[in-house]
Amino acid sequence: MWLVKMFLTGIVLAAILLFAILNLQQEPVTVRFWFTHNYELKVQFIIALFGSFVLGAFVWFLFTIGHEMKLRGRISRLEKEKRKLGEELTALRNLPLEDVQPLSQGEEGERS
């Protein structure tokens, strides 16, 4: 399975590299940011594409951290609940039996 993953990863990386090489000859593109009105940046297309990829990965990372913290809190809460239920179960198992009559000698043989 790992061989298939490595093969597919190699194909994807080769396609990205080919795309980058084919676009090196392009004239620069103008990048305008939404928070600035008068600022324009002229860069190669592949640099703009890579920059948008890095920015998207960073935003994804921030959202993932929030989700991860939420899940860790839930796991911690569930582990505490599990520990409390285990302690309660242990306490219930250790309670003495009430209203149970001990078996007499004759009844033991009949049950076996």
N, C-alpha and C. Protein backbone atom coordinates (compact mmCIF):
# COMPACT_ATOMS: atom_id res chain seq x y z
N MET A 1 0.82 -1.20 0.00
CA MET A 1 0.00 0.00 0.00
C MET A 1 0.87 1.26 0.00
N TRP A 2 1.97 1.20 0.76
CA TRP A 2 2.82 2.38 0.83
C TRP A 2 3.45 2.66 -0.53
N LEU A 3 3.65 1.62 -1.32
CA LEU A 3 4.23 1.80 -2.65
C LEU A 3 3.27 2.58 -3.55
N VAL A 4 1.98 2.28 -3.45
CA VAL A 4 0.98 3.00 -4.24
C VAL A 4 0.92 4.46 -3.81
N LYS A 5 0.97 4.71 -2.48
CA LYS A 5 0.95 6.08 -1.98
C LYS A 5 2.16 6.86 -2.48
N MET A 6 3.33 6.23 -2.41
CA MET A 6 4.55 6.91 -2.88
C MET A 6 4.48 7.18 -4.38
N PHE A 7 3.93 6.24 -5.13
CA PHE A 7 3.80 6.42 -6.57
C PHE A 7 2.86 7.59 -6.89
N LEU A 8 1.71 7.62 -6.22
CA LEU A 8 0.76 8.71 -6.45
C LEU A 8 1.34 10.05 -6.00
N THR A 9 2.07 10.07 -4.89
CA THR A 9 2.71 11.29 -4.44
C THR A 9 3.73 11.76 -5.47
N GLY A 10 4.49 10.84 -6.02
CA GLY A 10 5.47 11.19 -7.05
C GLY A 10 4.80 11.77 -8.29
N ILE A 11 3.68 11.21 -8.69
CA ILE A 11 2.95 11.72 -9.86
C ILE A 11 2.45 13.14 -9.60
N VAL A 12 1.88 13.36 -8.41
CA VAL A 12 1.37 14.69 -8.08
C VAL A 12 2.51 15.71 -8.04
N LEU A 13 3.63 15.35 -7.43
CA LEU A 13 4.77 16.26 -7.37
C LEU A 13 5.34 16.54 -8.76
N ALA A 14 5.38 15.53 -9.61
CA ALA A 14 5.86 15.73 -10.98
C ALA A 14 4.92 16.66 -11.75
N ALA A 15 3.62 16.51 -11.55
CA ALA A 15 2.66 17.39 -12.23
C ALA A 15 2.82 18.83 -11.75
N ILE A 16 3.02 19.02 -10.46
CA ILE A 16 3.23 20.37 -9.93
C ILE A 16 4.52 20.97 -10.48
N LEU A 17 5.57 20.19 -10.52
CA LEU A 17 6.84 20.66 -11.06
C LEU A 17 6.71 21.01 -12.54
N LEU A 18 6.02 20.18 -13.30
CA LEU A 18 5.80 20.47 -14.72
C LEU A 18 5.00 21.75 -14.90
N PHE A 19 3.96 21.91 -14.08
CA PHE A 19 3.14 23.12 -14.12
C PHE A 19 4.00 24.36 -13.81
N ALA A 20 4.88 24.24 -12.83
CA ALA A 20 5.74 25.36 -12.46
C ALA A 20 6.72 25.71 -13.58
N ILE A 21 7.29 24.69 -14.21
CA ILE A 21 8.26 24.94 -15.28
C ILE A 21 7.57 25.57 -16.49
N LEU A 22 6.36 25.11 -16.81
CA LEU A 22 5.65 25.66 -17.97
C LEU A 22 5.23 27.11 -17.74
N ASN A 23 5.03 27.49 -16.49
CA ASN A 23 4.58 28.85 -16.21
C ASN A 23 5.71 29.81 -15.86
N LEU A 24 6.95 29.36 -15.88
CA LEU A 24 8.07 30.26 -15.61
C LEU A 24 8.23 31.30 -16.72
N GLN A 25 7.84 30.97 -17.92
CA GLN A 25 8.02 31.88 -19.04
C GLN A 25 6.93 32.95 -19.10
N GLN A 26 5.92 32.83 -18.29
CA GLN A 26 4.81 33.79 -18.29
C GLN A 26 5.27 35.14 -17.77
N GLU A 27 4.59 36.17 -18.21
CA GLU A 27 4.90 37.49 -17.66
C GLU A 27 4.29 37.60 -16.26
N PRO A 28 4.79 38.45 -15.43
CA PRO A 28 4.32 38.55 -14.04
C PRO A 28 2.83 38.90 -13.96
N VAL A 29 2.21 38.43 -12.91
CA VAL A 29 0.80 38.74 -12.66
C VAL A 29 0.74 39.79 -11.56
N THR A 30 -0.37 40.53 -11.56
CA THR A 30 -0.57 41.57 -10.55
C THR A 30 -1.43 41.00 -9.43
N VAL A 31 -0.94 41.13 -8.22
CA VAL A 31 -1.66 40.65 -7.05
C VAL A 31 -2.12 41.87 -6.26
N ARG A 32 -3.44 41.93 -6.03
CA ARG A 32 -4.01 43.01 -5.21
C ARG A 32 -4.61 42.38 -3.96
N PHE A 33 -4.28 42.95 -2.83
CA PHE A 33 -4.81 42.45 -1.57
C PHE A 33 -6.09 43.18 -1.23
N TRP A 34 -7.04 42.47 -0.60
CA TRP A 34 -8.34 43.05 -0.30
C TRP A 34 -8.26 44.13 0.77
N PHE A 35 -7.24 44.11 1.60
CA PHE A 35 -7.15 45.09 2.68
C PHE A 35 -6.38 46.35 2.29
N THR A 36 -5.78 46.36 1.11
CA THR A 36 -5.11 47.57 0.62
C THR A 36 -5.69 47.92 -0.75
N HIS A 37 -5.94 49.19 -0.96
CA HIS A 37 -6.54 49.60 -2.24
C HIS A 37 -5.50 50.08 -3.23
N ASN A 38 -4.41 50.64 -2.77
CA ASN A 38 -3.43 51.23 -3.68
C ASN A 38 -2.18 50.38 -3.86
N TYR A 39 -2.10 49.25 -3.19
CA TYR A 39 -0.89 48.45 -3.25
C TYR A 39 -1.07 47.29 -4.22
N GLU A 40 -0.17 47.19 -5.18
CA GLU A 40 -0.17 46.08 -6.13
C GLU A 40 1.20 45.42 -6.10
N LEU A 41 1.20 44.13 -6.28
CA LEU A 41 2.45 43.37 -6.25
C LEU A 41 2.54 42.58 -7.54
N LYS A 42 3.65 42.73 -8.27
CA LYS A 42 3.86 41.97 -9.50
C LYS A 42 4.84 40.83 -9.21
N VAL A 43 4.32 39.60 -9.38
CA VAL A 43 5.14 38.40 -9.12
C VAL A 43 4.88 37.38 -10.21
N GLN A 44 5.76 36.39 -10.28
CA GLN A 44 5.55 35.29 -11.21
C GLN A 44 4.30 34.51 -10.77
N PHE A 45 3.62 33.91 -11.72
CA PHE A 45 2.38 33.20 -11.43
C PHE A 45 2.60 32.06 -10.43
N ILE A 46 3.71 31.33 -10.59
CA ILE A 46 3.95 30.19 -9.70
C ILE A 46 4.19 30.66 -8.27
N ILE A 47 4.79 31.83 -8.10
CA ILE A 47 5.02 32.38 -6.76
C ILE A 47 3.68 32.76 -6.13
N ALA A 48 2.80 33.37 -6.92
CA ALA A 48 1.47 33.73 -6.42
C ALA A 48 0.68 32.47 -6.07
N LEU A 49 0.79 31.45 -6.89
CA LEU A 49 0.10 30.20 -6.63
C LEU A 49 0.63 29.54 -5.36
N PHE A 50 1.93 29.51 -5.20
CA PHE A 50 2.54 28.92 -4.00
C PHE A 50 2.16 29.72 -2.76
N GLY A 51 2.17 31.05 -2.88
CA GLY A 51 1.78 31.91 -1.75
C GLY A 51 0.35 31.66 -1.31
N SER A 52 -0.55 31.51 -2.27
CA SER A 52 -1.95 31.24 -1.91
C SER A 52 -2.09 29.85 -1.28
N PHE A 53 -1.28 28.90 -1.73
CA PHE A 53 -1.28 27.57 -1.13
C PHE A 53 -0.81 27.64 0.33
N VAL A 54 0.27 28.36 0.57
CA VAL A 54 0.80 28.48 1.93
C VAL A 54 -0.20 29.20 2.83
N LEU A 55 -0.83 30.26 2.33
CA LEU A 55 -1.83 30.97 3.11
C LEU A 55 -3.02 30.06 3.43
N GLY A 56 -3.48 29.29 2.47
CA GLY A 56 -4.58 28.34 2.69
C GLY A 56 -4.21 27.27 3.69
N ALA A 57 -2.98 26.77 3.61
CA ALA A 57 -2.52 25.76 4.57
C ALA A 57 -2.46 26.34 5.98
N PHE A 58 -2.05 27.60 6.11
CA PHE A 58 -1.98 28.24 7.41
C PHE A 58 -3.38 28.43 8.00
N VAL A 59 -4.33 28.86 7.19
CA VAL A 59 -5.71 29.03 7.67
C VAL A 59 -6.28 27.67 8.06
N TRP A 60 -6.04 26.64 7.27
CA TRP A 60 -6.49 25.29 7.61
C TRP A 60 -5.88 24.84 8.94
N PHE A 61 -4.59 25.14 9.15
CA PHE A 61 -3.91 24.78 10.38
C PHE A 61 -4.56 25.46 11.58
N LEU A 62 -4.92 26.73 11.44
CA LEU A 62 -5.56 27.44 12.55
C LEU A 62 -6.91 26.81 12.90
N PHE A 63 -7.71 26.49 11.89
CA PHE A 63 -9.00 25.85 12.15
C PHE A 63 -8.82 24.46 12.76
N THR A 64 -7.79 23.75 12.32
CA THR A 64 -7.53 22.41 12.85
C THR A 64 -7.13 22.47 14.31
N ILE A 65 -6.34 23.48 14.69
CA ILE A 65 -5.95 23.62 16.09
C ILE A 65 -7.19 23.81 16.96
N GLY A 66 -8.12 24.66 16.54
CA GLY A 66 -9.35 24.87 17.30
C GLY A 66 -10.15 23.59 17.45
N HIS A 67 -10.28 22.86 16.37
CA HIS A 67 -11.03 21.60 16.39
C HIS A 67 -10.32 20.58 17.28
N GLU A 68 -9.00 20.52 17.20
CA GLU A 68 -8.22 19.59 18.01
C GLU A 68 -8.39 19.90 19.50
N MET A 69 -8.35 21.16 19.87
CA MET A 69 -8.52 21.54 21.27
C MET A 69 -9.92 21.15 21.77
N LYS A 70 -10.92 21.35 20.93
CA LYS A 70 -12.29 20.97 21.29
C LYS A 70 -12.38 19.46 21.52
N LEU A 71 -11.78 18.67 20.63
CA LEU A 71 -11.81 17.21 20.77
C LEU A 71 -11.04 16.75 22.00
N ARG A 72 -9.90 17.37 22.28
CA ARG A 72 -9.13 16.98 23.47
C ARG A 72 -9.90 17.28 24.75
N GLY A 73 -10.62 18.41 24.78
CA GLY A 73 -11.46 18.72 25.93
C GLY A 73 -12.56 17.69 26.12
N ARG A 74 -13.16 17.27 25.02
CA ARG A 74 -14.22 16.26 25.08
C ARG A 74 -13.66 14.92 25.56
N ILE A 75 -12.48 14.55 25.06
CA ILE A 75 -11.85 13.30 25.49
C ILE A 75 -11.55 13.36 26.98
N SER A 76 -11.04 14.46 27.45
CA SER A 76 -10.73 14.61 28.88
C SER A 76 -11.99 14.48 29.72
N ARG A 77 -13.06 15.13 29.29
CA ARG A 77 -14.33 15.06 30.02
C ARG A 77 -14.86 13.62 30.04
N LEU A 78 -14.78 12.93 28.93
CA LEU A 78 -15.26 11.54 28.87
C LEU A 78 -14.40 10.60 29.71
N GLU A 79 -13.09 10.85 29.76
CA GLU A 79 -12.22 10.02 30.59
C GLU A 79 -12.54 10.21 32.07
N LYS A 80 -12.84 11.45 32.48
CA LYS A 80 -13.23 11.70 33.87
C LYS A 80 -14.54 10.98 34.19
N GLU A 81 -15.49 11.06 33.26
CA GLU A 81 -16.77 10.38 33.47
C GLU A 81 -16.57 8.86 33.55
N LYS A 82 -15.70 8.33 32.70
CA LYS A 82 -15.41 6.90 32.71
C LYS A 82 -14.78 6.49 34.04
N ARG A 83 -13.85 7.30 34.54
CA ARG A 83 -13.21 6.99 35.81
C ARG A 83 -14.23 7.00 36.95
N LYS A 84 -15.12 8.00 36.96
CA LYS A 84 -16.15 8.08 38.00
C LYS A 84 -17.09 6.88 37.93
N LEU A 85 -17.50 6.49 36.73
CA LEU A 85 -18.38 5.32 36.58
C LEU A 85 -17.68 4.04 37.00
N GLY A 86 -16.38 3.94 36.72
CA GLY A 86 -15.62 2.77 37.15
C GLY A 86 -15.53 2.69 38.67
N GLU A 87 -15.32 3.84 39.30
CA GLU A 87 -15.28 3.86 40.76
C GLU A 87 -16.64 3.48 41.35
N GLU A 88 -17.71 3.99 40.73
CA GLU A 88 -19.06 3.65 41.20
C GLU A 88 -19.34 2.16 41.03
N LEU A 89 -18.92 1.60 39.92
CA LEU A 89 -19.11 0.17 39.68
C LEU A 89 -18.33 -0.66 40.68
N THR A 90 -17.11 -0.26 40.96
CA THR A 90 -16.30 -0.97 41.96
C THR A 90 -16.96 -0.91 43.33
N ALA A 91 -17.48 0.27 43.69
CA ALA A 91 -18.17 0.40 44.97
C ALA A 91 -19.41 -0.48 45.02
N LEU A 92 -20.15 -0.56 43.92
CA LEU A 92 -21.34 -1.41 43.89
C LEU A 92 -20.98 -2.89 43.97
N ARG A 93 -19.89 -3.27 43.38
CA ARG A 93 -19.46 -4.67 43.43
C ARG A 93 -19.03 -5.06 44.84
N ASN A 94 -18.53 -4.10 45.59
CA ASN A 94 -18.03 -4.40 46.93
C ASN A 94 -19.11 -4.29 48.01
N LEU A 95 -20.32 -3.93 47.65
CA LEU A 95 -21.39 -3.86 48.63
C LEU A 95 -21.73 -5.25 49.14
N PRO A 96 -22.04 -5.37 50.42
CA PRO A 96 -22.44 -6.69 50.92
C PRO A 96 -23.82 -7.06 50.38
N LEU A 97 -24.03 -8.33 50.16
CA LEU A 97 -25.31 -8.80 49.67
C LEU A 97 -26.30 -8.85 50.83
N GLU A 98 -27.43 -8.26 50.65
CA GLU A 98 -28.46 -8.26 51.68
C GLU A 98 -29.61 -9.13 51.22
N ASP A 99 -30.35 -9.63 52.16
CA ASP A 99 -31.52 -10.46 51.88
C ASP A 99 -31.17 -11.74 51.13
N VAL A 100 -29.98 -12.23 51.31
CA VAL A 100 -29.58 -13.48 50.67
C VAL A 100 -29.38 -14.50 51.78
N GLN A 101 -30.07 -15.61 51.68
CA GLN A 101 -29.96 -16.68 52.67
C GLN A 101 -28.80 -17.59 52.28
N PRO A 102 -27.95 -17.90 53.23
CA PRO A 102 -26.86 -18.83 52.89
C PRO A 102 -27.44 -20.20 52.58
N LEU A 103 -26.83 -20.88 51.66
CA LEU A 103 -27.27 -22.22 51.27
C LEU A 103 -26.92 -23.23 52.36
N SER A 104 -27.85 -24.09 52.62
CA SER A 104 -27.57 -25.16 53.58
C SER A 104 -26.80 -26.27 52.88
N GLN A 105 -26.32 -27.21 53.63
CA GLN A 105 -25.49 -28.28 53.09
C GLN A 105 -26.24 -29.09 52.04
N GLY A 106 -27.49 -29.35 52.21
CA GLY A 106 -28.27 -30.18 51.27
C GLY A 106 -28.55 -29.43 49.97
N GLU A 107 -28.74 -28.15 50.02
CA GLU A 107 -29.08 -27.37 48.83
C GLU A 107 -27.88 -27.20 47.91
N GLU A 108 -26.67 -27.20 48.48
CA GLU A 108 -25.48 -27.06 47.66
C GLU A 108 -25.33 -28.21 46.69
N GLY A 109 -25.59 -29.42 47.16
CA GLY A 109 -25.47 -30.60 46.31
C GLY A 109 -26.50 -30.61 45.21
N GLU A 110 -27.67 -30.08 45.46
CA GLU A 110 -28.73 -30.08 44.45
C GLU A 110 -28.40 -29.10 43.31
N ARG A 111 -27.74 -28.02 43.62
CA ARG A 111 -27.42 -27.03 42.59
C ARG A 111 -26.31 -27.49 41.67
N SER A 112 -25.38 -28.26 42.15
CA SER A 112 -24.23 -28.66 41.36
C SER A 112 -24.58 -29.58 40.26
